[in-house]
């Protein structure tokens, strides 16, 4: 059972990493285009995704 749960957590972590990478790409494109949009807090979204990734890493490590 732990293996199934661990695999699900790994899949979720991989999805979070992909989303964080997409946000970083959006941030870089906006910086290159010199667009400033204060309506969207990309840095906050990136930090939120990174925190989720770190928590998932911890949970996965505990299941090993």
PDB file of N, CA and C in Angstrom:
ATOM      1  N   UNK A   1       0.821  -1.188   0.000  1.00  0.00           N
ATOM      2  CA  UNK A   1       0.000   0.000   0.000  1.00  0.00           C
ATOM      3  C   UNK A   1       0.873   1.262   0.000  1.00  0.00           C
ATOM      4  N   UNK A   2       1.929   1.260   0.811  1.00  0.00           N
ATOM      5  CA  UNK A   2       2.811   2.425   0.833  1.00  0.00           C
ATOM      6  C   UNK A   2       3.427   2.701  -0.528  1.00  0.00           C
ATOM      7  N   UNK A   3       3.733   1.629  -1.281  1.00  0.00           N
ATOM      8  CA  UNK A   3       4.323   1.824  -2.604  1.00  0.00           C
ATOM      9  C   UNK A   3       3.350   2.531  -3.540  1.00  0.00           C
ATOM     10  N   UNK A   4       2.073   2.140  -3.498  1.00  0.00           N
ATOM     11  CA  UNK A   4       1.072   2.797  -4.341  1.00  0.00           C
ATOM     12  C   UNK A   4       0.924   4.266  -3.960  1.00  0.00           C
ATOM     13  N   UNK A   5       0.872   4.533  -2.677  1.00  0.00           N
ATOM     14  CA  UNK A   5       0.733   5.901  -2.198  1.00  0.00           C
ATOM     15  C   UNK A   5       1.965   6.722  -2.569  1.00  0.00           C
ATOM     16  N   UNK A   6       3.138   6.112  -2.409  1.00  0.00           N
ATOM     17  CA  UNK A   6       4.390   6.777  -2.759  1.00  0.00           C
ATOM     18  C   UNK A   6       4.428   7.122  -4.240  1.00  0.00           C
ATOM     19  N   UNK A   7       3.990   6.206  -5.089  1.00  0.00           N
ATOM     20  CA  UNK A   7       3.963   6.466  -6.529  1.00  0.00           C
ATOM     21  C   UNK A   7       2.997   7.599  -6.880  1.00  0.00           C
ATOM     22  N   UNK A   8       1.869   7.650  -6.191  1.00  0.00           N
ATOM     23  CA  UNK A   8       0.917   8.746  -6.406  1.00  0.00           C
ATOM     24  C   UNK A   8       1.527  10.082  -5.993  1.00  0.00           C
ATOM     25  N   UNK A   9       2.235  10.090  -4.868  1.00  0.00           N
ATOM     26  CA  UNK A   9       2.893  11.322  -4.421  1.00  0.00           C
ATOM     27  C   UNK A   9       3.971  11.756  -5.414  1.00  0.00           C
ATOM     28  N   UNK A  10       4.704  10.809  -5.951  1.00  0.00           N
ATOM     29  CA  UNK A  10       5.740  11.129  -6.935  1.00  0.00           C
ATOM     30  C   UNK A  10       5.107  11.733  -8.180  1.00  0.00           C
ATOM     31  N   UNK A  11       3.978  11.171  -8.608  1.00  0.00           N
ATOM     32  CA  UNK A  11       3.279  11.706  -9.789  1.00  0.00           C
ATOM     33  C   UNK A  11       2.807  13.139  -9.528  1.00  0.00           C
ATOM     34  N   UNK A  12       2.252  13.378  -8.357  1.00  0.00           N
ATOM     35  CA  UNK A  12       1.788  14.725  -8.010  1.00  0.00           C
ATOM     36  C   UNK A  12       2.973  15.681  -7.953  1.00  0.00           C
ATOM     37  N   UNK A  13       4.085  15.229  -7.351  1.00  0.00           N
ATOM     38  CA  UNK A  13       5.287  16.072  -7.280  1.00  0.00           C
ATOM     39  C   UNK A  13       5.778  16.432  -8.673  1.00  0.00           C
ATOM     40  N   UNK A  14       5.784  15.463  -9.588  1.00  0.00           N
ATOM     41  CA  UNK A  14       6.217  15.722 -10.964  1.00  0.00           C
ATOM     42  C   UNK A  14       5.313  16.751 -11.638  1.00  0.00           C
ATOM     43  N   UNK A  15       4.008  16.677 -11.371  1.00  0.00           N
ATOM     44  CA  UNK A  15       3.078  17.659 -11.931  1.00  0.00           C
ATOM     45  C   UNK A  15       3.336  19.046 -11.353  1.00  0.00           C
ATOM     46  N   UNK A  16       3.630  19.109 -10.065  1.00  0.00           N
ATOM     47  CA  UNK A  16       3.941  20.395  -9.415  1.00  0.00           C
ATOM     48  C   UNK A  16       5.230  20.986  -9.988  1.00  0.00           C
ATOM     49  N   UNK A  17       6.217  20.153 -10.216  1.00  0.00           N
ATOM     50  CA  UNK A  17       7.478  20.617 -10.793  1.00  0.00           C
ATOM     51  C   UNK A  17       7.235  21.174 -12.194  1.00  0.00           C
ATOM     52  N   UNK A  18       6.431  20.474 -12.988  1.00  0.00           N
ATOM     53  CA  UNK A  18       6.118  20.948 -14.334  1.00  0.00           C
ATOM     54  C   UNK A  18       5.394  22.296 -14.279  1.00  0.00           C
ATOM     55  N   UNK A  19       4.463  22.445 -13.344  1.00  0.00           N
ATOM     56  CA  UNK A  19       3.728  23.702 -13.215  1.00  0.00           C
ATOM     57  C   UNK A  19       4.658  24.825 -12.771  1.00  0.00           C
ATOM     58  N   UNK A  20       5.533  24.535 -11.818  1.00  0.00           N
ATOM     59  CA  UNK A  20       6.500  25.541 -11.370  1.00  0.00           C
ATOM     60  C   UNK A  20       7.393  25.976 -12.524  1.00  0.00           C
ATOM     61  N   UNK A  21       7.833  25.015 -13.330  1.00  0.00           N
ATOM     62  CA  UNK A  21       8.680  25.336 -14.478  1.00  0.00           C
ATOM     63  C   UNK A  21       7.939  26.200 -15.494  1.00  0.00           C
ATOM     64  N   UNK A  22       6.649  25.934 -15.697  1.00  0.00           N
ATOM     65  CA  UNK A  22       5.841  26.766 -16.585  1.00  0.00           C
ATOM     66  C   UNK A  22       5.741  28.194 -16.050  1.00  0.00           C
ATOM     67  N   UNK A  23       5.571  28.329 -14.745  1.00  0.00           N
ATOM     68  CA  UNK A  23       5.502  29.660 -14.132  1.00  0.00           C
ATOM     69  C   UNK A  23       6.829  30.405 -14.280  1.00  0.00           C
ATOM     70  N   UNK A  24       7.934  29.694 -14.096  1.00  0.00           N
ATOM     71  CA  UNK A  24       9.246  30.313 -14.270  1.00  0.00           C
ATOM     72  C   UNK A  24       9.437  30.781 -15.717  1.00  0.00           C
ATOM     73  N   UNK A  25       8.984  29.978 -16.662  1.00  0.00           N
ATOM     74  CA  UNK A  25       9.072  30.350 -18.070  1.00  0.00           C
ATOM     75  C   UNK A  25       8.227  31.591 -18.353  1.00  0.00           C
ATOM     76  N   UNK A  26       7.024  31.639 -17.782  1.00  0.00           N
ATOM     77  CA  UNK A  26       6.168  32.814 -17.954  1.00  0.00           C
ATOM     78  C   UNK A  26       6.853  34.054 -17.384  1.00  0.00           C
ATOM     79  N   UNK A  27       7.488  33.900 -16.239  1.00  0.00           N
ATOM     80  CA  UNK A  27       8.174  35.027 -15.599  1.00  0.00           C
ATOM     81  C   UNK A  27       9.317  35.516 -16.480  1.00  0.00           C
ATOM     82  N   UNK A  28      10.078  34.584 -17.041  1.00  0.00           N
ATOM     83  CA  UNK A  28      11.190  34.960 -17.904  1.00  0.00           C
ATOM     84  C   UNK A  28      10.697  35.654 -19.168  1.00  0.00           C
ATOM     85  N   UNK A  29       9.628  35.127 -19.778  1.00  0.00           N
ATOM     86  CA  UNK A  29       9.076  35.762 -20.979  1.00  0.00           C
ATOM     87  C   UNK A  29       8.579  37.168 -20.682  1.00  0.00           C
ATOM     88  N   UNK A  30       7.943  37.342 -19.547  1.00  0.00           N
ATOM     89  CA  UNK A  30       7.443  38.666 -19.170  1.00  0.00           C
ATOM     90  C   UNK A  30       8.606  39.632 -18.936  1.00  0.00           C
ATOM     91  N   UNK A  31       9.687  39.142 -18.346  1.00  0.00           N
ATOM     92  CA  UNK A  31      10.847  39.997 -18.102  1.00  0.00           C
ATOM     93  C   UNK A  31      11.512  40.400 -19.411  1.00  0.00           C
ATOM     94  N   UNK A  32      11.588  39.465 -20.349  1.00  0.00           N
ATOM     95  CA  UNK A  32      12.196  39.759 -21.648  1.00  0.00           C
ATOM     96  C   UNK A  32      11.348  40.788 -22.398  1.00  0.00           C
ATOM     97  N   UNK A  33      10.043  40.612 -22.324  1.00  0.00           N
ATOM     98  CA  UNK A  33       9.130  41.529 -23.016  1.00  0.00           C
ATOM     99  C   UNK A  33       8.925  42.816 -22.222  1.00  0.00           C
ATOM    100  N   UNK A  34       9.496  42.859 -21.024  1.00  0.00           N
ATOM    101  CA  UNK A  34       9.394  44.016 -20.128  1.00  0.00           C
ATOM    102  C   UNK A  34       7.945  44.355 -19.803  1.00  0.00           C
ATOM    103  N   UNK A  35       7.159  43.305 -19.665  1.00  0.00           N
ATOM    104  CA  UNK A  35       5.763  43.478 -19.279  1.00  0.00           C
ATOM    105  C   UNK A  35       5.678  43.489 -17.764  1.00  0.00           C
ATOM    106  N   UNK A  36       4.944  44.408 -17.253  1.00  0.00           N
ATOM    107  CA  UNK A  36       4.726  44.461 -15.816  1.00  0.00           C
ATOM    108  C   UNK A  36       3.240  44.313 -15.578  1.00  0.00           C
ATOM    109  N   UNK A  37       2.876  43.235 -14.902  1.00  0.00           N
ATOM    110  CA  UNK A  37       1.472  42.988 -14.618  1.00  0.00           C
ATOM    111  C   UNK A  37       1.359  42.683 -13.132  1.00  0.00           C
ATOM    112  N   UNK A  38       0.915  43.659 -12.386  1.00  0.00           N
ATOM    113  CA  UNK A  38       0.836  43.489 -10.932  1.00  0.00           C
ATOM    114  C   UNK A  38      -0.403  42.700 -10.508  1.00  0.00           C
ATOM    115  N   UNK A  39      -1.265  42.373 -11.468  1.00  0.00           N
ATOM    116  CA  UNK A  39      -2.474  41.615 -11.134  1.00  0.00           C
ATOM    117  C   UNK A  39      -2.155  40.165 -10.783  1.00  0.00           C
ATOM    118  N   UNK A  40      -1.073  39.654 -11.320  1.00  0.00           N
ATOM    119  CA  UNK A  40      -0.698  38.256 -11.099  1.00  0.00           C
ATOM    120  C   UNK A  40       0.602  38.209 -10.305  1.00  0.00           C
ATOM    121  N   UNK A  41       0.584  37.522  -9.196  1.00  0.00           N
ATOM    122  CA  UNK A  41       1.770  37.380  -8.356  1.00  0.00           C
ATOM    123  C   UNK A  41       2.482  36.074  -8.725  1.00  0.00           C
ATOM    124  N   UNK A  42       3.255  36.122  -9.804  1.00  0.00           N
ATOM    125  CA  UNK A  42       3.936  34.914 -10.278  1.00  0.00           C
ATOM    126  C   UNK A  42       4.947  34.424  -9.247  1.00  0.00           C
ATOM    127  N   UNK A  43       5.666  35.357  -8.620  1.00  0.00           N
ATOM    128  CA  UNK A  43       6.640  34.950  -7.607  1.00  0.00           C
ATOM    129  C   UNK A  43       5.957  34.205  -6.454  1.00  0.00           C
ATOM    130  N   UNK A  44       4.791  34.686  -6.054  1.00  0.00           N
ATOM    131  CA  UNK A  44       4.035  34.017  -4.997  1.00  0.00           C
ATOM    132  C   UNK A  44       3.563  32.641  -5.425  1.00  0.00           C
ATOM    133  N   UNK A  45       3.145  32.529  -6.687  1.00  0.00           N
ATOM    134  CA  UNK A  45       2.700  31.231  -7.207  1.00  0.00           C
ATOM    135  C   UNK A  45       3.869  30.257  -7.277  1.00  0.00           C
ATOM    136  N   UNK A  46       5.031  30.752  -7.698  1.00  0.00           N
ATOM    137  CA  UNK A  46       6.223  29.900  -7.767  1.00  0.00           C
ATOM    138  C   UNK A  46       6.603  29.428  -6.363  1.00  0.00           C
ATOM    139  N   UNK A  47       6.574  30.339  -5.404  1.00  0.00           N
ATOM    140  CA  UNK A  47       6.902  29.976  -4.023  1.00  0.00           C
ATOM    141  C   UNK A  47       5.923  28.943  -3.480  1.00  0.00           C
ATOM    142  N   UNK A  48       4.652  29.104  -3.806  1.00  0.00           N
ATOM    143  CA  UNK A  48       3.625  28.161  -3.355  1.00  0.00           C
ATOM    144  C   UNK A  48       3.890  26.766  -3.934  1.00  0.00           C
ATOM    145  N   UNK A  49       4.190  26.705  -5.229  1.00  0.00           N
ATOM    146  CA  UNK A  49       4.481  25.419  -5.868  1.00  0.00           C
ATOM    147  C   UNK A  49       5.737  24.798  -5.266  1.00  0.00           C
ATOM    148  N   UNK A  50       6.767  25.616  -5.011  1.00  0.00           N
ATOM    149  CA  UNK A  50       8.006  25.086  -4.448  1.00  0.00           C
ATOM    150  C   UNK A  50       7.776  24.527  -3.047  1.00  0.00           C
ATOM    151  N   UNK A  51       6.959  25.204  -2.264  1.00  0.00           N
ATOM    152  CA  UNK A  51       6.627  24.698  -0.926  1.00  0.00           C
ATOM    153  C   UNK A  51       5.905  23.356  -1.025  1.00  0.00           C
ATOM    154  N   UNK A  52       4.981  23.243  -1.959  1.00  0.00           N
ATOM    155  CA  UNK A  52       4.265  21.978  -2.150  1.00  0.00           C
ATOM    156  C   UNK A  52       5.239  20.876  -2.572  1.00  0.00           C
ATOM    157  N   UNK A  53       6.177  21.206  -3.459  1.00  0.00           N
ATOM    158  CA  UNK A  53       7.176  20.232  -3.909  1.00  0.00           C
ATOM    159  C   UNK A  53       8.030  19.775  -2.733  1.00  0.00           C
ATOM    160  N   UNK A  54       8.478  20.724  -1.931  1.00  0.00           N
ATOM    161  CA  UNK A  54       9.299  20.384  -0.759  1.00  0.00           C
ATOM    162  C   UNK A  54       8.534  19.485   0.218  1.00  0.00           C
ATOM    163  N   UNK A  55       7.275  19.794   0.456  1.00  0.00           N
ATOM    164  CA  UNK A  55       6.457  18.972   1.353  1.00  0.00           C
ATOM    165  C   UNK A  55       6.255  17.571   0.789  1.00  0.00           C
ATOM    166  N   UNK A  56       6.037  17.474  -0.518  1.00  0.00           N
ATOM    167  CA  UNK A  56       5.886  16.157  -1.145  1.00  0.00           C
ATOM    168  C   UNK A  56       7.194  15.369  -1.059  1.00  0.00           C
ATOM    169  N   UNK A  57       8.318  16.045  -1.281  1.00  0.00           N
ATOM    170  CA  UNK A  57       9.615  15.374  -1.138  1.00  0.00           C
ATOM    171  C   UNK A  57       9.785  14.787   0.253  1.00  0.00           C
ATOM    172  N   UNK A  58       9.415  15.568   1.274  1.00  0.00           N
ATOM    173  CA  UNK A  58       9.512  15.097   2.658  1.00  0.00           C
ATOM    174  C   UNK A  58       8.618  13.876   2.890  1.00  0.00           C
ATOM    175  N   UNK A  59       7.389  13.952   2.383  1.00  0.00           N
ATOM    176  CA  UNK A  59       6.457  12.838   2.569  1.00  0.00           C
ATOM    177  C   UNK A  59       6.953  11.577   1.862  1.00  0.00           C
ATOM    178  N   UNK A  60       7.476  11.747   0.662  1.00  0.00           N
ATOM    179  CA  UNK A  60       8.003  10.597  -0.088  1.00  0.00           C
ATOM    180  C   UNK A  60       9.193   9.993   0.652  1.00  0.00           C
ATOM    181  N   UNK A  61      10.063  10.833   1.174  1.00  0.00           N
ATOM    182  CA  UNK A  61      11.243  10.336   1.897  1.00  0.00           C
ATOM    183  C   UNK A  61      10.833   9.546   3.135  1.00  0.00           C
ATOM    184  N   UNK A  62       9.777   9.980   3.810  1.00  0.00           N
ATOM    185  CA  UNK A  62       9.327   9.257   4.990  1.00  0.00           C
ATOM    186  C   UNK A  62       8.752   7.893   4.658  1.00  0.00           C
ATOM    187  N   UNK A  63       8.258   7.726   3.438  1.00  0.00           N
ATOM    188  CA  UNK A  63       7.661   6.447   3.040  1.00  0.00           C
ATOM    189  C   UNK A  63       8.713   5.442   2.577  1.00  0.00           C
ATOM    190  N   UNK A  64       9.912   5.897   2.358  1.00  0.00           N
ATOM    191  CA  UNK A  64      10.969   4.960   1.902  1.00  0.00           C
ATOM    192  C   UNK A  64      11.477   4.112   3.021  1.00  0.00           C
TER     193      UNK A  64
END
